[in-house]
């Protein structure tokens, strides 16, 4: 870890002091309540460290952990003399950060910007509670989010795929399976997580922002999808919390049957 103190670990910078520093460093817009937050790509990788510059002034230094496990400098935020002197980072945010509409102000702005469907805007606000997604993302992917509402990880995964096109990260969050170069395959518009259980693959397709999935089992005869068990792996199941849990349960049952046959 680079020299200095992580903001979240430093007692001196807890509570209101950290909030004031965040505003002066441009991470928070005090007029709108917008915040720059760490997104899914920055979890366990982005580090915000309090340091002193050559003149002894406090600054916030951003680091990001690379593939080799070492932290590399990304950018430095000096602290403005006052809140009004700080420039909100906004569009200048790093790839591992996102803009979050904060507090009542953010909710009001969201409702005002989506007057064409006020009911949907209001419901999308409920969806983001506890999830690492913005109001606007919840509105944009509203119908897909409804299918996995209540599961923040899956909601993040949908944003990773549909907005950022990060399929490995997104699928890992949706299915709860580590997705790497070795077990990830893309062929003919179908995304496959190989051997999440011995002999079983998750198969996913995305059509116009709608995500469907199925399970491709051993020997081509123990597959699961909207059409049930067949010799062919149908990718017809809606990506919902209910179907995801059903598929897991079905695979566990299949594994027990295979074990009895040995």
Protein backbone atom coordinates (compact mmCIF):
# COMPACT_ATOMS: atom_id res chain seq x y z
CA UNK A 1 0.00 0.00 0.00
CA UNK A 2 1.33 3.51 -0.79
CA UNK A 3 2.51 5.74 2.08
CA UNK A 4 -0.21 7.65 3.88
CA UNK A 5 -3.55 6.87 5.51
CA UNK A 6 -6.62 5.42 3.83
CA UNK A 7 -9.41 7.92 4.41
CA UNK A 8 -11.81 5.23 5.62
CA UNK A 9 -9.22 3.87 8.12
CA UNK A 10 -8.06 7.15 9.62
CA UNK A 11 -9.80 8.15 12.90
CA UNK A 12 -8.81 11.76 12.32
CA UNK A 13 -10.76 11.84 9.07
CA UNK A 14 -13.89 10.01 10.17
CA UNK A 15 -17.38 11.49 10.11
CA UNK A 16 -17.88 15.13 9.18
CA UNK A 17 -14.17 15.83 8.61
CA UNK A 18 -14.04 13.23 5.84
CA UNK A 19 -17.21 14.67 4.29
CA UNK A 20 -15.72 18.16 4.26
CA UNK A 21 -12.52 16.86 2.70
CA UNK A 22 -14.53 15.04 0.01
CA UNK A 23 -16.29 18.29 -0.92
CA UNK A 24 -13.05 20.30 -1.02
CA UNK A 25 -11.41 17.58 -3.14
CA UNK A 26 -14.26 17.64 -5.67
CA UNK A 27 -15.80 14.26 -4.88
CA UNK A 28 -19.09 15.82 -3.74
CA UNK A 29 -21.19 18.58 -5.23
CA UNK A 30 -22.72 20.35 -2.18
CA UNK A 31 -25.34 22.12 -4.33
CA UNK A 32 -26.89 19.02 -5.90
CA UNK A 33 -25.86 16.22 -3.53
CA UNK A 34 -24.11 14.33 -6.33
CA UNK A 35 -21.17 12.19 -5.25
CA UNK A 36 -18.31 10.39 -6.95
CA UNK A 37 -18.31 6.83 -5.63
CA UNK A 38 -16.33 3.68 -6.27
CA UNK A 39 -18.08 1.45 -8.81
CA UNK A 40 -17.92 -2.31 -9.26
CA UNK A 41 -14.58 -2.12 -11.12
CA UNK A 42 -12.95 -0.39 -8.16
CA UNK A 43 -14.01 -2.70 -5.33
CA UNK A 44 -10.92 -3.88 -3.45
CA UNK A 45 -8.75 -2.12 -6.06
CA UNK A 46 -9.23 1.64 -5.70
CA UNK A 47 -7.51 3.32 -2.74
CA UNK A 48 -7.91 6.95 -1.64
CA UNK A 49 -4.95 7.96 0.50
CA UNK A 50 -4.33 11.12 2.53
CA UNK A 51 -0.88 12.49 1.77
CA UNK A 52 1.12 15.71 2.08
CA UNK A 53 2.41 17.54 -1.00
CA UNK A 54 5.84 19.23 -1.24
CA UNK A 55 4.45 22.31 0.54
CA UNK A 56 2.99 20.22 3.37
CA UNK A 57 -0.62 20.64 2.24
CA UNK A 58 -3.03 17.72 2.55
CA UNK A 59 -4.13 16.04 -0.66
CA UNK A 60 -6.00 12.90 -1.62
CA UNK A 61 -3.99 10.58 -3.83
CA UNK A 62 -5.87 7.94 -5.84
CA UNK A 63 -4.24 4.57 -6.48
CA UNK A 64 -5.50 1.54 -8.37
CA UNK A 65 -4.31 -2.04 -7.93
CA UNK A 66 -3.07 -3.48 -11.22
CA UNK A 67 -3.01 -7.06 -12.44
CA UNK A 68 0.39 -7.57 -10.81
CA UNK A 69 -1.06 -6.69 -7.40
CA UNK A 70 0.80 -3.40 -7.04
CA UNK A 71 -0.89 -0.02 -6.55
CA UNK A 72 -0.31 2.52 -9.31
CA UNK A 73 -0.92 6.26 -9.08
CA UNK A 74 -4.03 7.49 -10.92
CA UNK A 75 -4.50 11.13 -9.94
CA UNK A 76 -4.16 13.60 -7.07
CA UNK A 77 -6.89 15.84 -5.63
CA UNK A 78 -5.80 18.93 -3.76
CA UNK A 79 -8.18 20.40 -1.17
CA UNK A 80 -9.73 23.73 -2.08
CA UNK A 81 -9.57 26.56 0.46
CA UNK A 82 -13.37 26.55 0.71
CA UNK A 83 -16.33 24.55 -0.54
CA UNK A 84 -17.18 27.00 -3.33
CA UNK A 85 -13.63 26.83 -4.65
CA UNK A 86 -13.84 23.10 -5.27
CA UNK A 87 -14.60 21.84 -8.79
CA UNK A 88 -16.88 18.79 -8.83
CA UNK A 89 -15.09 15.97 -10.64
CA UNK A 90 -18.22 14.83 -12.49
CA UNK A 91 -17.42 13.83 -16.07
CA UNK A 92 -13.69 13.75 -15.22
CA UNK A 93 -14.17 10.73 -12.94
CA UNK A 94 -11.97 7.64 -13.36
CA UNK A 95 -13.19 4.43 -15.02
CA UNK A 96 -13.70 2.76 -11.63
CA UNK A 97 -15.92 5.57 -10.32
CA UNK A 98 -19.50 6.62 -10.98
CA UNK A 99 -21.75 9.59 -10.22
CA UNK A 100 -24.32 8.98 -7.50
CA UNK A 101 -27.29 11.29 -6.99
CA UNK A 102 -27.25 11.95 -3.26
CA UNK A 103 -29.91 12.70 -0.70
CA UNK A 104 -33.29 14.29 -1.34
CA UNK A 105 -31.82 16.62 -3.97
CA UNK A 106 -30.76 13.70 -6.16
CA UNK A 107 -34.17 12.08 -5.89
CA UNK A 108 -35.97 15.29 -6.81
CA UNK A 109 -33.70 15.86 -9.81
CA UNK A 110 -34.33 12.29 -10.93
CA UNK A 111 -38.09 12.72 -10.71
CA UNK A 112 -37.97 16.05 -12.53
CA UNK A 113 -35.88 14.61 -15.37
CA UNK A 114 -38.27 11.71 -15.97
CA UNK A 115 -41.67 13.37 -15.96
CA UNK A 116 -42.69 11.26 -18.96
CA UNK A 117 -43.02 8.27 -16.61
CA UNK A 118 -43.22 9.48 -13.05
CA UNK A 119 -44.36 6.14 -11.63
CA UNK A 120 -41.37 4.35 -13.15
CA UNK A 121 -39.00 7.07 -11.90
CA UNK A 122 -40.40 6.76 -8.39
CA UNK A 123 -40.09 2.98 -8.43
CA UNK A 124 -36.54 3.13 -9.77
CA UNK A 125 -35.60 5.18 -6.69
CA UNK A 126 -36.73 2.30 -4.49
CA UNK A 127 -34.61 -0.10 -6.51
CA UNK A 128 -31.30 1.62 -5.77
CA UNK A 129 -31.60 1.35 -2.00
CA UNK A 130 -28.57 -0.66 -0.89
CA UNK A 131 -27.35 -1.17 -4.47
CA UNK A 132 -24.25 0.37 -6.03
CA UNK A 133 -26.17 1.90 -8.95
CA UNK A 134 -27.45 5.37 -9.78
CA UNK A 135 -31.06 6.46 -10.13
CA UNK A 136 -30.54 6.98 -13.85
CA UNK A 137 -29.14 3.48 -14.34
CA UNK A 138 -32.07 2.01 -12.43
CA UNK A 139 -34.44 3.91 -14.70
CA UNK A 140 -32.61 2.95 -17.91
CA UNK A 141 -32.51 -0.75 -17.08
CA UNK A 142 -35.78 -0.67 -15.17
CA UNK A 143 -37.41 -3.83 -16.53
CA UNK A 144 -34.27 -5.93 -16.22
CA UNK A 145 -33.76 -4.62 -12.70
CA UNK A 146 -37.29 -5.57 -11.68
CA UNK A 147 -36.37 -9.19 -12.32
CA UNK A 148 -33.50 -9.12 -9.81
CA UNK A 149 -34.77 -6.42 -7.46
CA UNK A 150 -33.56 -6.93 -3.92
CA UNK A 151 -30.22 -8.39 -5.00
CA UNK A 152 -27.69 -5.51 -5.23
CA UNK A 153 -24.93 -7.72 -6.64
CA UNK A 154 -27.06 -8.85 -9.57
CA UNK A 155 -28.17 -5.28 -10.22
CA UNK A 156 -24.51 -4.21 -10.38
CA UNK A 157 -23.81 -7.10 -12.74
CA UNK A 158 -26.52 -5.96 -15.14
CA UNK A 159 -25.00 -2.46 -15.26
CA UNK A 160 -21.53 -3.94 -15.81
CA UNK A 161 -22.82 -5.84 -18.86
CA UNK A 162 -25.42 -3.56 -20.43
CA UNK A 163 -23.69 -0.23 -19.76
CA UNK A 164 -19.97 -1.00 -19.48
CA UNK A 165 -19.88 -4.20 -21.60
CA UNK A 166 -17.77 -5.90 -18.94
CA UNK A 167 -19.18 -9.40 -19.33
CA UNK A 168 -16.80 -11.34 -17.10
CA UNK A 169 -17.32 -9.02 -14.13
CA UNK A 170 -21.07 -8.72 -14.76
CA UNK A 171 -21.71 -12.44 -15.11
CA UNK A 172 -19.69 -13.19 -11.98
CA UNK A 173 -21.93 -10.85 -9.98
CA UNK A 174 -25.16 -12.20 -11.48
CA UNK A 175 -24.36 -15.90 -11.03
CA UNK A 176 -22.09 -15.68 -8.00
CA UNK A 177 -19.35 -17.57 -9.84
CA UNK A 178 -15.77 -16.39 -10.38
CA UNK A 179 -15.41 -15.75 -14.14
CA UNK A 180 -11.88 -15.84 -15.57
CA UNK A 181 -10.21 -16.20 -18.95
CA UNK A 182 -10.11 -19.96 -18.40
CA UNK A 183 -13.82 -20.55 -17.78
CA UNK A 184 -15.31 -17.78 -19.96
CA UNK A 185 -16.24 -18.33 -23.60
CA UNK A 186 -18.04 -16.25 -26.22
CA UNK A 187 -19.29 -17.92 -29.36
CA UNK A 188 -22.08 -17.00 -31.78
CA UNK A 189 -23.45 -14.31 -29.46
CA UNK A 190 -23.69 -16.76 -26.55
CA UNK A 191 -21.73 -16.15 -23.35
CA UNK A 192 -20.72 -19.27 -21.46
CA UNK A 193 -19.40 -19.83 -17.94
CA UNK A 194 -17.84 -23.27 -18.17
CA UNK A 195 -17.89 -25.83 -15.36
CA UNK A 196 -19.45 -23.71 -12.62
CA UNK A 197 -20.26 -27.20 -11.34
CA UNK A 198 -18.51 -30.28 -12.78
CA UNK A 199 -19.88 -30.70 -16.30
CA UNK A 200 -22.38 -27.82 -16.07
CA UNK A 201 -22.15 -24.52 -17.95
CA UNK A 202 -24.24 -21.37 -17.62
CA UNK A 203 -25.18 -20.04 -21.07
CA UNK A 204 -26.39 -16.46 -21.58
CA UNK A 205 -27.59 -14.43 -24.53
CA UNK A 206 -28.44 -10.74 -24.73
CA UNK A 207 -30.99 -9.50 -27.24
CA UNK A 208 -31.84 -5.80 -27.29
CA UNK A 209 -30.86 -5.40 -23.66
CA UNK A 210 -32.94 -8.40 -22.55
CA UNK A 211 -30.92 -11.14 -20.91
CA UNK A 212 -31.85 -14.83 -21.11
CA UNK A 213 -30.00 -17.82 -19.71
CA UNK A 214 -29.95 -21.59 -19.38
CA UNK A 215 -27.81 -24.47 -18.12
CA UNK A 216 -25.89 -26.78 -20.45
CA UNK A 217 -25.37 -30.04 -18.57
CA UNK A 218 -23.28 -33.15 -19.14
CA UNK A 219 -23.87 -35.43 -22.12
CA UNK A 220 -26.31 -32.95 -23.65
CA UNK A 221 -29.25 -34.52 -21.85
CA UNK A 222 -29.47 -32.78 -18.47
CA UNK A 223 -30.01 -29.23 -19.60
CA UNK A 224 -32.20 -26.60 -17.99
CA UNK A 225 -34.06 -23.64 -19.44
CA UNK A 226 -37.54 -22.28 -19.93
CA UNK A 227 -38.47 -25.46 -21.78
CA UNK A 228 -37.14 -27.74 -19.08
CA UNK A 229 -34.82 -30.71 -19.50
CA UNK A 230 -34.05 -31.53 -23.11
CA UNK A 231 -31.22 -32.89 -25.22
CA UNK A 232 -30.49 -29.32 -26.26
CA UNK A 233 -29.49 -26.34 -24.10
CA UNK A 234 -32.21 -23.74 -24.57
CA UNK A 235 -31.32 -20.21 -23.53
CA UNK A 236 -34.90 -19.21 -22.87
CA UNK A 237 -35.17 -18.61 -19.13
CA UNK A 238 -35.74 -15.04 -18.02
CA UNK A 239 -32.91 -13.71 -15.88
CA UNK A 240 -34.87 -13.43 -12.62
CA UNK A 241 -34.06 -14.14 -9.00
CA UNK A 242 -36.59 -16.97 -9.05
CA UNK A 243 -35.19 -18.64 -12.16
CA UNK A 244 -31.60 -18.28 -10.98
CA UNK A 245 -32.44 -20.05 -7.73
CA UNK A 246 -34.43 -22.72 -9.61
CA UNK A 247 -31.51 -23.45 -11.89
CA UNK A 248 -29.13 -23.83 -8.93
CA UNK A 249 -31.53 -26.21 -7.22
CA UNK A 250 -32.00 -28.23 -10.41
CA UNK A 251 -28.25 -28.60 -10.90
CA UNK A 252 -27.82 -29.81 -7.33
CA UNK A 253 -30.53 -32.43 -7.96
CA UNK A 254 -28.79 -33.51 -11.17
CA UNK A 255 -25.48 -33.92 -9.36
CA UNK A 256 -27.13 -36.16 -6.75
CA UNK A 257 -28.59 -38.35 -9.50
CA UNK A 258 -25.23 -38.63 -11.24
CA UNK A 259 -23.62 -39.59 -7.91
CA UNK A 260 -26.15 -42.39 -7.36
CA UNK A 261 -25.46 -43.80 -10.84
CA UNK A 262 -21.75 -44.24 -10.14
